[in-house]
């Protein structure tokens, strides 16, 4: 089979399209012939060793969808020919934490394509629990693209305890997680406001349920207060120090900021008195649990929620162009690859 493999931790140019033997499914595993694969910024970071994969050469990629090609021993719920979505959230599935359903706290928690060989290949082997029946109403492009971003956004909204009618600010709309958070927030009945440096991305958000948008590089806390008649109950933040101060200022007393990333840098300053006098919450969030994934999938399958948009679909062979598109930050939503 063909697979895009990383051979050095020197960036995306270290990826090459190699011919390798197809992987064989083991106990409790299935092999999936991929039809759609989506990229995430995580894939780019891993090419630089941030974080480093467990070994080289390494196959990146967490998102994908396809058809079950082979079934390992002990798998009863899936068969060859089944159309499935790949859930990239990995755990041991056997410890006390996993038994409780809180897999994100498992000592062996991982992400497909980061901690194990991923989806950027014609075939991928995953635990059977990570191959979920594809809802008929989801296109292949959507099914292969939504999981990591929309799952992350869904858990962030849950951890932020967002309620119907509350005010939500999504910082840096346009990427997969932020686009999904804006769409999901609107579907949950929140008043949604967004920020971006790109007026076209703000226009997209307003056309898809947001009330207004503001320049991420400006004083968007003041603009929010004027536009919304008050401050936010919840802020979704994945940019980091470039927007951290304005994000905290955007919160009403008792408000919650949920953080899943720091694309502008790893360190940010906090004015501590504001934190405790205003009784704010800063909540970290990573990936999602199996029950959250099933709840999200149910919302998407029923049409009660909208998945993040697919910005552009490239041929599998055109991975370098797809990575360049993602790395440019010009995309709105997900960047995907098709294998036909």
Protein backbone atom coordinates (compact mmCIF):
# COMPACT_ATOMS: atom_id res chain seq x y z
CA UNK A 1 0.00 0.00 0.00
CA UNK A 2 1.01 3.66 -0.27
CA UNK A 3 1.55 5.76 2.84
CA UNK A 4 2.87 9.21 3.57
CA UNK A 5 5.66 8.69 6.10
CA UNK A 6 7.73 11.11 8.15
CA UNK A 7 11.45 10.23 8.08
CA UNK A 8 12.98 13.17 9.99
CA UNK A 9 11.74 15.76 12.47
CA UNK A 10 12.55 18.63 10.12
CA UNK A 11 9.07 19.70 9.02
CA UNK A 12 6.58 18.63 6.33
CA UNK A 13 9.27 18.37 3.64
CA UNK A 14 10.47 15.23 5.44
CA UNK A 15 7.28 13.42 4.37
CA UNK A 16 7.52 11.00 1.45
CA UNK A 17 5.01 8.80 -0.32
CA UNK A 18 6.29 5.25 0.28
CA UNK A 19 5.19 1.79 -0.80
CA UNK A 20 4.98 -0.44 2.31
CA UNK A 21 3.26 -3.71 3.27
CA UNK A 22 -0.32 -3.27 4.49
CA UNK A 23 -0.76 -3.64 8.27
CA UNK A 24 -2.53 -6.72 9.59
CA UNK A 25 -5.28 -6.39 12.22
CA UNK A 26 -4.62 -8.09 15.53
CA UNK A 27 -6.92 -9.14 18.34
CA UNK A 28 -9.84 -6.72 18.61
CA UNK A 29 -8.68 -4.64 15.63
CA UNK A 30 -9.97 -3.88 12.13
CA UNK A 31 -8.23 -2.71 8.99
CA UNK A 32 -9.87 0.16 7.11
CA UNK A 33 -9.31 1.08 3.49
CA UNK A 34 -9.44 4.86 3.70
CA UNK A 35 -11.55 7.01 1.40
CA UNK A 36 -11.16 10.43 3.04
CA UNK A 37 -8.38 11.64 5.35
CA UNK A 38 -8.31 15.07 7.00
CA UNK A 39 -5.35 17.05 8.26
CA UNK A 40 -4.98 18.81 11.59
CA UNK A 41 -2.39 21.31 12.77
CA UNK A 42 -1.18 18.53 15.05
CA UNK A 43 0.17 16.77 11.95
CA UNK A 44 2.37 19.77 11.13
CA UNK A 45 3.59 20.10 14.71
CA UNK A 46 4.57 16.41 14.84
CA UNK A 47 6.73 16.85 11.72
CA UNK A 48 8.79 19.29 13.82
CA UNK A 49 8.90 16.93 16.80
CA UNK A 50 6.35 18.94 18.81
CA UNK A 51 5.60 16.33 20.07
CA UNK A 52 7.90 13.73 18.60
CA UNK A 53 6.32 10.47 17.38
CA UNK A 54 7.28 7.24 19.17
CA UNK A 55 9.54 6.16 16.27
CA UNK A 56 10.52 6.93 12.68
CA UNK A 57 9.43 6.48 9.97
CA UNK A 58 5.97 7.52 11.17
CA UNK A 59 2.55 7.80 9.51
CA UNK A 60 0.67 10.95 10.55
CA UNK A 61 -3.07 11.56 10.46
CA UNK A 62 -5.89 11.23 12.99
CA UNK A 63 -9.07 11.84 11.00
CA UNK A 64 -10.44 9.56 8.34
CA UNK A 65 -13.30 7.42 7.08
CA UNK A 66 -13.48 4.39 4.85
CA UNK A 67 -14.54 0.79 4.47
CA UNK A 68 -13.60 -2.14 6.70
CA UNK A 69 -11.15 -4.24 4.71
CA UNK A 70 -10.22 -6.97 7.22
CA UNK A 71 -11.32 -8.00 10.71
CA UNK A 72 -9.06 -9.34 13.44
CA UNK A 73 -9.88 -12.07 15.97
CA UNK A 74 -12.45 -11.21 18.60
CA UNK A 75 -14.31 -8.57 16.58
CA UNK A 76 -18.03 -9.29 16.44
CA UNK A 77 -19.71 -5.96 15.65
CA UNK A 78 -17.96 -5.11 12.39
CA UNK A 79 -17.56 -6.95 9.09
CA UNK A 80 -15.75 -6.47 5.80
CA UNK A 81 -17.54 -3.88 3.69
CA UNK A 82 -18.88 -1.81 6.60
CA UNK A 83 -18.60 1.94 6.10
CA UNK A 84 -17.01 3.53 9.16
CA UNK A 85 -15.74 6.77 10.65
CA UNK A 86 -12.40 6.66 12.48
CA UNK A 87 -12.41 8.00 16.03
CA UNK A 88 -8.79 9.13 16.66
CA UNK A 89 -9.05 9.19 20.48
CA UNK A 90 -7.10 6.23 21.91
CA UNK A 91 -6.94 4.69 25.39
CA UNK A 92 -6.14 1.31 26.91
CA UNK A 93 -9.83 0.49 27.39
CA UNK A 94 -9.07 -1.72 30.39
CA UNK A 95 -8.12 0.46 33.36
CA UNK A 96 -10.37 1.86 36.07
CA UNK A 97 -10.45 5.27 34.41
CA UNK A 98 -11.50 3.78 31.06
CA UNK A 99 -14.16 1.67 32.79
CA UNK A 100 -15.58 4.90 34.23
CA UNK A 101 -15.82 6.38 30.71
CA UNK A 102 -13.30 9.16 31.40
CA UNK A 103 -10.78 7.89 28.85
CA UNK A 104 -9.07 11.28 28.52
CA UNK A 105 -7.46 10.63 31.93
CA UNK A 106 -6.14 7.18 30.97
CA UNK A 107 -2.38 6.77 31.55
CA UNK A 108 -2.18 5.39 28.01
CA UNK A 109 -4.37 8.05 26.40
CA UNK A 110 -3.22 8.99 22.92
CA UNK A 111 -4.17 10.39 19.55
CA UNK A 112 -4.07 8.39 16.34
CA UNK A 113 -1.25 9.67 14.16
CA UNK A 114 0.60 11.16 17.12
CA UNK A 115 1.13 8.26 19.50
CA UNK A 116 0.54 5.50 16.93
CA UNK A 117 0.63 5.05 13.16
CA UNK A 118 -2.10 7.18 11.62
CA UNK A 119 -4.49 7.57 8.72
CA UNK A 120 -2.28 9.08 5.99
CA UNK A 121 -2.21 5.75 4.17
CA UNK A 122 -4.36 3.66 1.89
CA UNK A 123 -5.05 1.33 4.84
CA UNK A 124 -4.98 1.82 8.60
CA UNK A 125 -5.46 -0.58 11.52
CA UNK A 126 -7.38 0.69 14.56
CA UNK A 127 -9.10 -0.89 17.57
CA UNK A 128 -12.60 -1.99 16.61
CA UNK A 129 -13.98 0.44 19.21
CA UNK A 130 -12.49 3.29 17.15
CA UNK A 131 -14.31 2.32 13.96
CA UNK A 132 -17.80 3.78 14.23
CA UNK A 133 -20.60 3.12 11.71
CA UNK A 134 -20.83 6.04 9.27
CA UNK A 135 -24.19 7.85 9.49
CA UNK A 136 -25.84 7.63 6.04
CA UNK A 137 -26.60 11.36 5.96
CA UNK A 138 -22.95 12.39 6.31
CA UNK A 139 -20.94 12.76 3.11
CA UNK A 140 -17.60 11.00 2.93
CA UNK A 141 -15.84 14.37 3.08
CA UNK A 142 -17.63 15.30 6.31
CA UNK A 143 -17.36 11.83 7.86
CA UNK A 144 -13.61 11.74 7.31
CA UNK A 145 -13.00 15.26 8.60
CA UNK A 146 -15.09 16.12 11.65
CA UNK A 147 -13.91 13.81 14.45
CA UNK A 148 -10.87 15.41 16.05
CA UNK A 149 -11.93 19.05 15.66
CA UNK A 150 -15.65 18.74 16.35
CA UNK A 151 -15.08 16.24 19.18
CA UNK A 152 -12.61 18.61 20.82
CA UNK A 153 -15.00 21.54 20.43
CA UNK A 154 -17.94 19.55 21.79
CA UNK A 155 -16.06 18.61 24.97
CA UNK A 156 -14.93 22.22 25.39
CA UNK A 157 -18.54 23.41 25.32
CA UNK A 158 -19.49 20.68 27.80
CA UNK A 159 -16.63 21.58 30.14
CA UNK A 160 -17.59 25.24 29.82
CA UNK A 161 -21.13 24.31 30.90
CA UNK A 162 -22.60 26.34 28.06
CA UNK A 163 -26.37 26.73 28.39
CA UNK A 164 -29.03 27.86 25.96
CA UNK A 165 -29.24 31.64 25.81
CA UNK A 166 -25.74 32.22 27.20
CA UNK A 167 -23.15 34.30 25.37
CA UNK A 168 -20.29 32.39 23.74
CA UNK A 169 -17.15 33.89 22.22
CA UNK A 170 -15.08 31.72 19.88
CA UNK A 171 -11.58 33.12 19.36
CA UNK A 172 -9.79 32.67 16.04
CA UNK A 173 -12.68 31.27 14.04
CA UNK A 174 -11.71 29.57 10.78
CA UNK A 175 -9.75 26.56 11.97
CA UNK A 176 -11.37 23.18 12.53
CA UNK A 177 -11.94 23.40 16.31
CA UNK A 178 -13.03 27.04 16.35
CA UNK A 179 -15.36 26.62 13.36
CA UNK A 180 -16.91 23.57 14.98
CA UNK A 181 -17.31 25.40 18.30
CA UNK A 182 -19.12 28.30 16.63
CA UNK A 183 -21.49 25.98 14.77
CA UNK A 184 -22.13 23.74 17.78
CA UNK A 185 -22.65 26.73 20.06
CA UNK A 186 -25.30 28.10 17.72
CA UNK A 187 -27.00 24.70 17.50
CA UNK A 188 -27.14 24.57 21.31
CA UNK A 189 -28.97 27.89 21.40
CA UNK A 190 -26.16 30.17 22.57
CA UNK A 191 -25.57 33.73 21.41
CA UNK A 192 -22.37 33.27 19.40
CA UNK A 193 -19.72 35.92 18.75
CA UNK A 194 -16.41 35.23 17.01
CA UNK A 195 -13.02 36.79 16.41
CA UNK A 196 -10.67 36.50 13.45
CA UNK A 197 -8.09 38.57 11.61
CA UNK A 198 -9.85 37.60 8.36
CA UNK A 199 -13.09 39.50 7.53
CA UNK A 200 -14.19 36.65 5.24
CA UNK A 201 -14.06 34.16 8.11
CA UNK A 202 -16.10 36.51 10.28
CA UNK A 203 -18.61 36.87 7.44
CA UNK A 204 -18.85 33.07 7.19
CA UNK A 205 -19.51 32.78 10.93
CA UNK A 206 -22.23 35.44 10.82
CA UNK A 207 -23.85 33.66 7.87
CA UNK A 208 -23.84 30.47 9.95
CA UNK A 209 -25.38 31.62 13.19
CA UNK A 210 -23.00 34.09 14.86
CA UNK A 211 -24.37 37.50 15.80
CA UNK A 212 -21.16 39.43 15.07
CA UNK A 213 -17.41 39.14 14.83
CA UNK A 214 -14.39 41.21 15.81
CA UNK A 215 -10.75 41.54 14.82
CA UNK A 216 -8.66 39.12 16.91
CA UNK A 217 -5.80 41.62 17.04
CA UNK A 218 -7.99 44.42 18.42
CA UNK A 219 -9.76 45.26 21.68
CA UNK A 220 -12.48 42.71 21.09
CA UNK A 221 -13.61 42.62 24.73
CA UNK A 222 -14.88 46.20 24.43
CA UNK A 223 -16.44 45.49 21.05
CA UNK A 224 -18.20 42.44 22.48
CA UNK A 225 -19.64 44.44 25.38
CA UNK A 226 -21.02 47.04 22.99
CA UNK A 227 -22.43 44.51 20.52
CA UNK A 228 -23.85 42.01 23.02
CA UNK A 229 -24.91 44.40 25.75
CA UNK A 230 -22.63 42.57 28.15
CA UNK A 231 -19.74 40.14 28.41
CA UNK A 232 -19.43 36.43 27.71
CA UNK A 233 -20.41 33.47 29.82
CA UNK A 234 -17.97 31.20 27.96
CA UNK A 235 -14.91 31.88 25.81
CA UNK A 236 -13.39 29.16 23.59
CA UNK A 237 -9.66 29.88 23.35
CA UNK A 238 -7.03 28.04 21.31
CA UNK A 239 -4.79 30.89 20.15
CA UNK A 240 -2.77 31.55 23.31
CA UNK A 241 -0.80 34.65 24.35
CA UNK A 242 -1.78 36.72 21.30
CA UNK A 243 -5.41 36.80 22.46
CA UNK A 244 -5.29 35.52 26.06
CA UNK A 245 -5.66 38.93 27.72
CA UNK A 246 -8.62 40.00 25.60
CA UNK A 247 -10.25 36.60 26.05
CA UNK A 248 -10.14 36.94 29.84
CA UNK A 249 -11.41 40.52 29.64
CA UNK A 250 -14.31 39.26 27.55
CA UNK A 251 -15.66 37.19 30.46
CA UNK A 252 -18.40 38.39 32.77
CA UNK A 253 -17.83 37.86 36.52
CA UNK A 254 -18.02 34.11 37.07
CA UNK A 255 -17.36 33.41 33.39
CA UNK A 256 -15.47 30.38 32.04
CA UNK A 257 -12.61 30.30 29.53
CA UNK A 258 -11.97 26.86 28.03
CA UNK A 259 -8.52 26.32 26.50
CA UNK A 260 -7.42 23.57 24.12
CA UNK A 261 -4.37 25.05 22.40
CA UNK A 262 -1.80 27.80 22.11
CA UNK A 263 -0.92 28.32 18.47
CA UNK A 264 0.70 31.73 19.15
CA UNK A 265 3.02 30.47 21.91
CA UNK A 266 3.20 28.34 25.01
CA UNK A 267 3.30 31.04 27.72
CA UNK A 268 0.74 33.68 28.64
CA UNK A 269 0.52 36.17 31.51
CA UNK A 270 -2.45 36.45 33.86
CA UNK A 271 -3.38 39.45 36.00
CA UNK A 272 -4.13 37.37 39.08
CA UNK A 273 -6.33 39.88 41.01
CA UNK A 274 -8.78 39.99 38.09
CA UNK A 275 -8.93 36.21 38.15
CA UNK A 276 -10.00 35.91 41.77
CA UNK A 277 -11.90 39.19 42.24
CA UNK A 278 -14.08 38.39 39.22
CA UNK A 279 -14.17 34.67 40.17
CA UNK A 280 -13.25 33.53 36.67
CA UNK A 281 -12.55 29.94 35.64
CA UNK A 282 -9.80 28.79 33.26
CA UNK A 283 -10.53 25.25 32.14
CA UNK A 284 -8.18 23.01 30.17
CA UNK A 285 -9.63 20.53 27.70
CA UNK A 286 -8.17 17.87 25.40
CA UNK A 287 -10.01 15.58 22.98
CA UNK A 288 -13.19 13.88 24.28
CA UNK A 289 -14.65 10.74 25.86
CA UNK A 290 -16.46 7.89 24.04
CA UNK A 291 -19.84 9.05 25.36
CA UNK A 292 -19.18 12.62 24.21
CA UNK A 293 -18.21 11.31 20.78
CA UNK A 294 -21.42 9.27 20.54
CA UNK A 295 -23.51 12.26 21.65
CA UNK A 296 -21.84 14.43 19.01
CA UNK A 297 -22.30 11.80 16.32
CA UNK A 298 -25.97 11.55 17.26
CA UNK A 299 -26.42 15.31 16.88
CA UNK A 300 -24.71 15.28 13.49
CA UNK A 301 -26.63 12.22 12.28
CA UNK A 302 -29.95 13.79 13.30
CA UNK A 303 -29.14 17.11 11.66
CA UNK A 304 -29.46 18.94 14.99
CA UNK A 305 -25.85 20.11 14.73
CA UNK A 306 -23.70 21.20 11.79
CA UNK A 307 -20.20 19.71 11.31
CA UNK A 308 -17.21 21.95 10.61
CA UNK A 309 -16.95 22.91 6.95
CA UNK A 310 -14.53 21.22 4.59
CA UNK A 311 -12.38 23.95 3.08
CA UNK A 312 -10.79 21.97 0.25
CA UNK A 313 -10.25 18.35 -0.79
CA UNK A 314 -6.93 17.41 -2.41
CA UNK A 315 -5.89 14.18 -4.10
CA UNK A 316 -4.01 11.80 -1.82
CA UNK A 317 -0.87 12.36 -3.90
CA UNK A 318 -1.11 16.14 -3.34
CA UNK A 319 -0.38 16.05 0.38
CA UNK A 320 2.32 18.78 0.16
CA UNK A 321 -0.21 21.22 -1.33
CA UNK A 322 -2.77 20.28 1.34
CA UNK A 323 -0.24 20.85 4.12
CA UNK A 324 0.71 24.21 2.61
CA UNK A 325 -2.95 25.20 2.55
CA UNK A 326 -3.37 24.28 6.22
CA UNK A 327 -0.10 25.89 7.29
CA UNK A 328 -1.01 29.16 5.56
CA UNK A 329 -4.02 29.63 7.88
CA UNK A 330 -6.07 30.67 4.85
CA UNK A 331 -8.40 27.69 5.18
CA UNK A 332 -11.90 27.89 6.61
CA UNK A 333 -12.58 24.57 8.29
CA UNK A 334 -10.95 21.29 7.41
CA UNK A 335 -8.42 20.39 4.72
CA UNK A 336 -8.88 16.84 3.42
CA UNK A 337 -7.42 14.27 1.05
CA UNK A 338 -9.40 11.85 -1.09
CA UNK A 339 -8.52 8.36 -2.25
CA UNK A 340 -11.58 8.09 -4.47
